[in-house]
Protein backbone atom coordinates (compact mmCIF):
# COMPACT_ATOMS: atom_id res chain seq x y z
CA MET A 1 0.00 0.00 0.00
CA PRO A 2 2.74 2.59 0.80
CA ALA A 3 4.44 1.76 -2.50
CA ARG A 4 1.15 2.30 -4.33
CA ASN A 5 0.67 5.66 -2.60
CA LYS A 6 4.18 6.72 -3.54
CA LYS A 7 3.52 5.75 -7.14
CA ARG A 8 0.29 7.73 -7.13
CA ARG A 9 2.00 10.77 -5.61
CA PHE A 10 4.75 10.51 -8.21
CA ARG A 11 2.17 10.45 -10.99
CA ASN A 12 0.44 13.49 -9.53
CA VAL A 13 3.72 15.38 -9.31
CA VAL A 14 4.51 14.54 -12.93
CA LYS A 15 1.01 15.52 -13.99
CA TRP A 16 1.19 18.94 -12.30
CA ILE A 17 4.69 19.58 -13.65
CA ILE A 18 3.40 18.89 -17.16
CA PHE A 19 0.37 21.08 -16.48
CA ALA A 20 2.67 23.89 -15.29
CA THR A 21 4.55 23.74 -18.59
CA ASN A 22 1.15 23.69 -20.33
CA ILE A 23 0.25 26.93 -18.56
CA GLY A 24 3.55 28.39 -19.75
CA ALA A 25 2.70 27.43 -23.32
CA ILE A 26 -0.75 29.03 -22.94
CA VAL A 27 0.84 32.24 -21.63
CA LEU A 28 3.19 32.31 -24.62
CA LEU A 29 0.23 31.72 -26.92
CA PHE A 30 -1.56 34.78 -25.56
CA CYS A 31 1.66 36.81 -25.65
CA SER A 32 2.07 35.96 -29.32
CA PHE A 33 -1.47 37.23 -29.85
CA LEU A 34 -0.38 40.55 -28.32
CA SER A 35 2.19 40.93 -31.10
CA TRP A 36 -0.77 41.97 -33.25
CA ASN A 37 -1.56 44.94 -31.07
CA VAL A 38 1.64 46.06 -29.32
CA SER A 39 3.92 48.20 -31.47
CA PRO A 40 7.55 47.01 -31.64
CA LEU A 41 8.50 50.64 -31.03
CA LYS A 42 7.24 50.15 -27.45
CA THR A 43 8.72 46.71 -26.82
CA ASN A 44 10.14 43.94 -28.98
CA LEU A 45 9.23 41.21 -26.48
CA PHE A 46 5.85 40.29 -27.95
CA SER A 47 7.17 40.60 -31.49
CA TYR A 48 9.88 38.03 -30.84
CA ILE A 49 7.36 35.71 -29.21
CA GLY A 50 5.05 36.21 -32.17
CA LEU A 51 7.74 34.96 -34.55
CA GLY A 52 7.51 31.58 -32.82
CA PHE A 53 3.73 31.41 -32.98
CA GLY A 54 3.69 28.25 -35.10
CA PHE A 55 5.82 26.28 -32.61
CA ILE A 56 3.82 27.62 -29.66
CA PHE A 57 0.53 26.71 -31.34
CA PHE A 58 1.57 23.11 -32.05
CA ALA A 59 2.93 22.78 -28.51
CA ASN A 60 -0.53 23.65 -27.19
CA ILE A 61 -2.07 21.14 -29.61
CA GLY A 62 0.32 18.54 -28.19
CA TYR A 63 -0.79 19.27 -24.62
CA LEU A 64 -4.43 18.98 -25.65
CA VAL A 65 -3.83 15.60 -27.27
CA LEU A 66 -1.86 14.44 -24.22
CA TRP A 67 -4.69 15.28 -21.80
CA ILE A 68 -7.21 13.55 -24.05
CA ILE A 69 -5.07 10.39 -24.24
CA PHE A 70 -4.85 10.20 -20.44
CA SER A 71 -8.52 11.18 -20.02
CA LYS A 72 -7.70 14.36 -18.07
CA TRP A 73 -10.80 16.11 -19.35
CA ASN A 74 -10.64 19.16 -17.08
CA LEU A 75 -7.08 19.92 -18.17
CA ALA A 76 -7.97 19.20 -21.80
CA LEU A 77 -10.81 21.70 -21.53
CA ILE A 78 -8.38 24.40 -20.37
CA SER A 79 -6.10 23.76 -23.36
CA LEU A 80 -9.04 23.74 -25.76
CA ALA A 81 -10.40 27.01 -24.33
CA ALA A 82 -7.01 28.68 -24.80
CA LEU A 83 -6.86 27.58 -28.45
CA LEU A 84 -10.40 28.78 -29.12
CA LEU A 85 -9.69 32.17 -27.56
CA CYS A 86 -6.80 32.56 -30.00
CA TYR A 87 -9.02 31.78 -32.98
CA ARG A 88 -8.12 34.97 -34.84
CA PRO A 89 -4.30 34.59 -34.95
CA VAL A 90 -4.64 30.85 -35.58
CA THR A 91 -6.87 31.30 -38.63
CA THR A 92 -4.64 34.12 -39.90
CA TYR A 93 -1.43 32.11 -39.50
CA PHE A 94 -3.06 29.00 -40.99
CA PRO A 95 -5.65 30.37 -43.45
CA MET A 96 -8.08 27.86 -44.89
CA HIS A 97 -10.03 28.67 -48.01
CA LEU A 98 -12.07 25.55 -48.61
CA ILE A 99 -14.53 27.37 -50.82
CA SER A 100 -13.24 29.99 -53.22
CA GLU A 101 -15.41 33.06 -53.26
CA LYS A 102 -16.20 34.45 -56.66
CA ALA A 103 -15.01 38.00 -56.99
CA PRO A 104 -17.76 40.55 -57.65
CA GLU A 105 -17.88 42.37 -60.94
CA ASN A 106 -15.92 45.58 -61.45
CA THR A 107 -13.08 44.63 -59.12
CA ILE A 108 -9.36 45.27 -59.16
CA LYS A 109 -6.67 42.82 -58.17
CA VAL A 110 -3.92 43.99 -55.80
CA LEU A 111 -0.66 42.10 -55.26
CA THR A 112 1.74 42.97 -52.44
CA TYR A 113 5.04 41.11 -52.27
CA ASN A 114 8.23 41.34 -50.20
CA VAL A 115 10.82 40.64 -52.92
CA GLN A 116 13.77 40.66 -50.46
CA GLY A 117 15.96 42.56 -52.89
CA PHE A 118 15.45 40.08 -55.75
CA PRO A 119 18.18 37.72 -54.40
CA ASN A 120 18.28 35.27 -57.32
CA GLU A 121 17.84 37.56 -60.28
CA ARG A 122 19.31 40.99 -59.60
CA ASN A 123 22.74 40.25 -61.10
CA LYS A 124 23.27 42.15 -64.30
CA ASP A 125 24.09 38.99 -66.24
CA ALA A 126 21.05 37.02 -64.97
CA ARG A 127 19.03 35.33 -67.69
CA GLU A 128 15.98 34.36 -65.61
CA TYR A 129 13.76 36.58 -63.50
CA PRO A 130 11.43 34.28 -61.53
CA ILE A 131 9.99 36.93 -59.21
CA LEU A 132 9.42 39.56 -61.87
CA ASP A 133 8.03 36.99 -64.30
CA TYR A 134 5.67 35.74 -61.59
CA ILE A 135 4.46 39.27 -60.90
CA ALA A 136 3.87 39.82 -64.62
CA ARG A 137 1.92 36.53 -64.93
CA THR A 138 -0.46 37.44 -62.09
CA ASP A 139 -1.69 40.35 -64.19
CA ALA A 140 -2.62 42.24 -61.02
CA ASP A 141 -3.97 45.74 -61.50
CA ILE A 142 -1.80 47.22 -58.76
CA VAL A 143 1.49 45.80 -57.43
CA CYS A 144 3.14 46.95 -54.18
CA LEU A 145 6.68 45.70 -53.54
CA GLN A 146 8.74 45.81 -50.35
CA GLU A 147 12.53 45.50 -49.96
CA TYR A 148 12.73 46.70 -53.54
CA LEU A 149 16.35 46.95 -54.70
CA VAL A 150 17.59 48.29 -58.05
CA SER A 151 20.81 49.87 -59.26
CA LYS A 152 21.08 53.54 -60.16
CA THR A 153 23.82 52.79 -62.68
CA GLY A 154 22.91 49.29 -63.89
CA GLN A 155 26.53 48.14 -63.68
CA SER A 156 26.44 45.41 -61.01
CA ILE A 157 22.73 44.66 -60.55
CA PHE A 158 19.72 45.34 -62.73
CA SER A 159 18.32 48.85 -62.97
CA GLN A 160 14.86 50.37 -62.92
CA HIS A 161 14.93 50.27 -66.72
CA ASP A 162 15.35 46.47 -66.61
CA VAL A 163 12.41 46.09 -64.22
CA ASN A 164 10.24 48.37 -66.36
CA ARG A 165 11.01 46.24 -69.39
CA ILE A 166 9.67 43.09 -67.71
CA LEU A 167 6.73 44.79 -65.97
CA ASN A 168 5.74 46.69 -69.09
CA LYS A 169 2.03 46.17 -68.39
CA TYR A 170 2.26 48.91 -65.76
CA PRO A 171 2.58 52.39 -67.25
CA TYR A 172 2.41 54.08 -63.83
CA ARG A 173 5.22 53.58 -61.33
CA SER A 174 6.37 55.13 -58.06
CA ILE A 175 9.64 54.22 -56.32
CA THR A 176 10.25 55.27 -52.72
CA GLY A 177 13.87 54.95 -51.58
CA LEU A 178 14.53 54.66 -47.85
CA GLU A 179 17.46 56.24 -46.00
CA SER A 180 19.37 52.95 -46.28
CA SER A 181 19.63 53.49 -50.05
CA GLY A 182 23.24 53.88 -51.12
CA LYS A 183 25.03 56.01 -53.65
CA TYR A 184 24.64 53.46 -56.40
CA HIS A 185 21.38 51.71 -55.53
CA ILE A 186 17.81 52.33 -54.38
CA PHE A 187 16.34 50.28 -51.53
CA GLY A 188 12.76 50.72 -50.39
CA LEU A 189 9.23 50.47 -51.74
CA ALA A 190 7.72 50.41 -55.20
CA CYS A 191 4.25 50.61 -56.65
CA PHE A 192 3.35 49.56 -60.20
CA SER A 193 -0.14 50.32 -61.41
CA LYS A 194 -2.38 50.15 -64.45
CA TYR A 195 -4.14 53.20 -63.03
CA PRO A 196 -2.62 56.66 -62.54
CA ILE A 197 -0.61 57.13 -59.33
CA GLU A 198 -1.44 60.72 -58.47
CA LYS A 199 0.44 61.08 -55.19
CA THR A 200 3.04 59.28 -53.09
CA HIS A 201 3.31 60.08 -49.39
CA GLU A 202 6.28 58.61 -47.55
CA VAL A 203 5.98 57.90 -43.82
CA VAL A 204 9.42 58.36 -42.24
CA PHE A 205 10.59 56.26 -39.28
CA GLU A 206 13.63 56.50 -37.03
CA SER A 207 15.09 53.27 -38.38
CA SER A 208 16.60 53.66 -41.84
CA TYR A 209 15.49 50.11 -42.73
CA ASN A 210 11.82 50.66 -41.83
CA GLY A 211 9.38 52.75 -43.79
CA ALA A 212 5.97 53.11 -45.32
CA ALA A 213 4.34 54.86 -48.22
CA VAL A 214 0.76 55.68 -49.14
CA TYR A 215 0.01 55.77 -52.85
CA THR A 216 -3.05 57.68 -54.02
CA ILE A 217 -4.33 55.95 -57.15
CA ASN A 218 -7.00 57.28 -59.47
CA ILE A 219 -9.29 54.34 -60.25
CA ASN A 220 -11.81 55.43 -62.83
CA GLY A 221 -12.08 58.87 -61.29
CA LYS A 222 -12.04 57.73 -57.66
CA LYS A 223 -8.85 58.47 -55.71
CA SER A 224 -8.02 55.52 -53.47
CA PRO A 225 -5.15 55.59 -50.93
CA LEU A 226 -3.17 52.34 -50.87
CA PRO A 227 -0.59 51.82 -48.09
CA THR A 228 2.44 49.54 -48.24
CA TYR A 229 5.03 48.86 -45.54
CA ILE A 230 8.53 47.58 -45.01
CA TRP A 231 9.45 46.61 -41.46
CA SER A 232 12.16 44.81 -39.57
CA ARG A 233 11.81 41.09 -38.80
CA THR A 234 10.59 42.00 -35.31
CA ALA A 235 7.65 44.01 -36.57
CA SER A 236 4.22 43.15 -35.28
CA TRP A 237 2.18 40.60 -37.23
CA ARG A 238 -0.29 43.30 -38.11
CA LYS A 239 2.48 44.87 -40.22
CA ILE A 240 4.27 41.73 -41.34
CA LYS A 241 1.19 40.43 -43.09
CA ASN A 242 1.65 43.26 -45.59
CA CYS A 243 5.06 41.83 -46.50
CA THR A 244 3.84 38.50 -47.81
CA VAL A 245 2.19 37.54 -51.04
CA ILE A 246 -1.43 38.56 -50.62
CA PHE A 247 -4.09 38.77 -53.29
CA SER A 248 -7.11 40.93 -52.68
CA ARG A 249 -9.92 42.11 -54.87
CA THR A 250 -11.30 45.56 -54.26
CA PRO A 251 -14.65 46.62 -55.71
CA ILE A 252 -14.66 49.74 -57.85
CA ARG A 253 -17.44 51.95 -56.58
């Protein structure tokens, strides 16, 4: 009997130790959710935690499965409640589009893409341009690019003229160079449009590698402001989502 009691106490200790780590994972899950709302200019803590959201999410899934296997239903309910409360970041990080919605008539297609300086095609002697060719194939009406890098001279890497040649479907262009641009190159943001770009407003930040621009585009007589951003890797998710490939269709009113 004493041996059985010791074994039971040992199991309880192990169970509560595991549950304590489960609580830690839940806390991290909620902290990663805060990376949506807390500006990295205030603190980078939640932004760094947010970068590990995928690992934190699957860790919480693991705890939920563990409690279900051992029939610890009360503990499983706590893990499930935490996952449900983080429904918004979960569905944003793992989007599921089981049914494709048909775009309404009279819409425009917007593509925003962090090109990361065109790493595999910017050399002057490059023969293939996978990123630029992809952008051209999408036939988007408006294209916003981040970490846009071109040469001012065209000697070592391709120039704006080379990009214009490939993206010749877009007669209207606006290039916004950030402070980190050098003497011989431009680094920053770019907007290519089939509609007139009437105004470009740059939003200046303290960091020379961060920046934003708002492009006012005349779409059939209606002037529509379109923002695009470039942020550091520790930027909040609310900003980072603008630095991935996103398609959106905007009705023309």
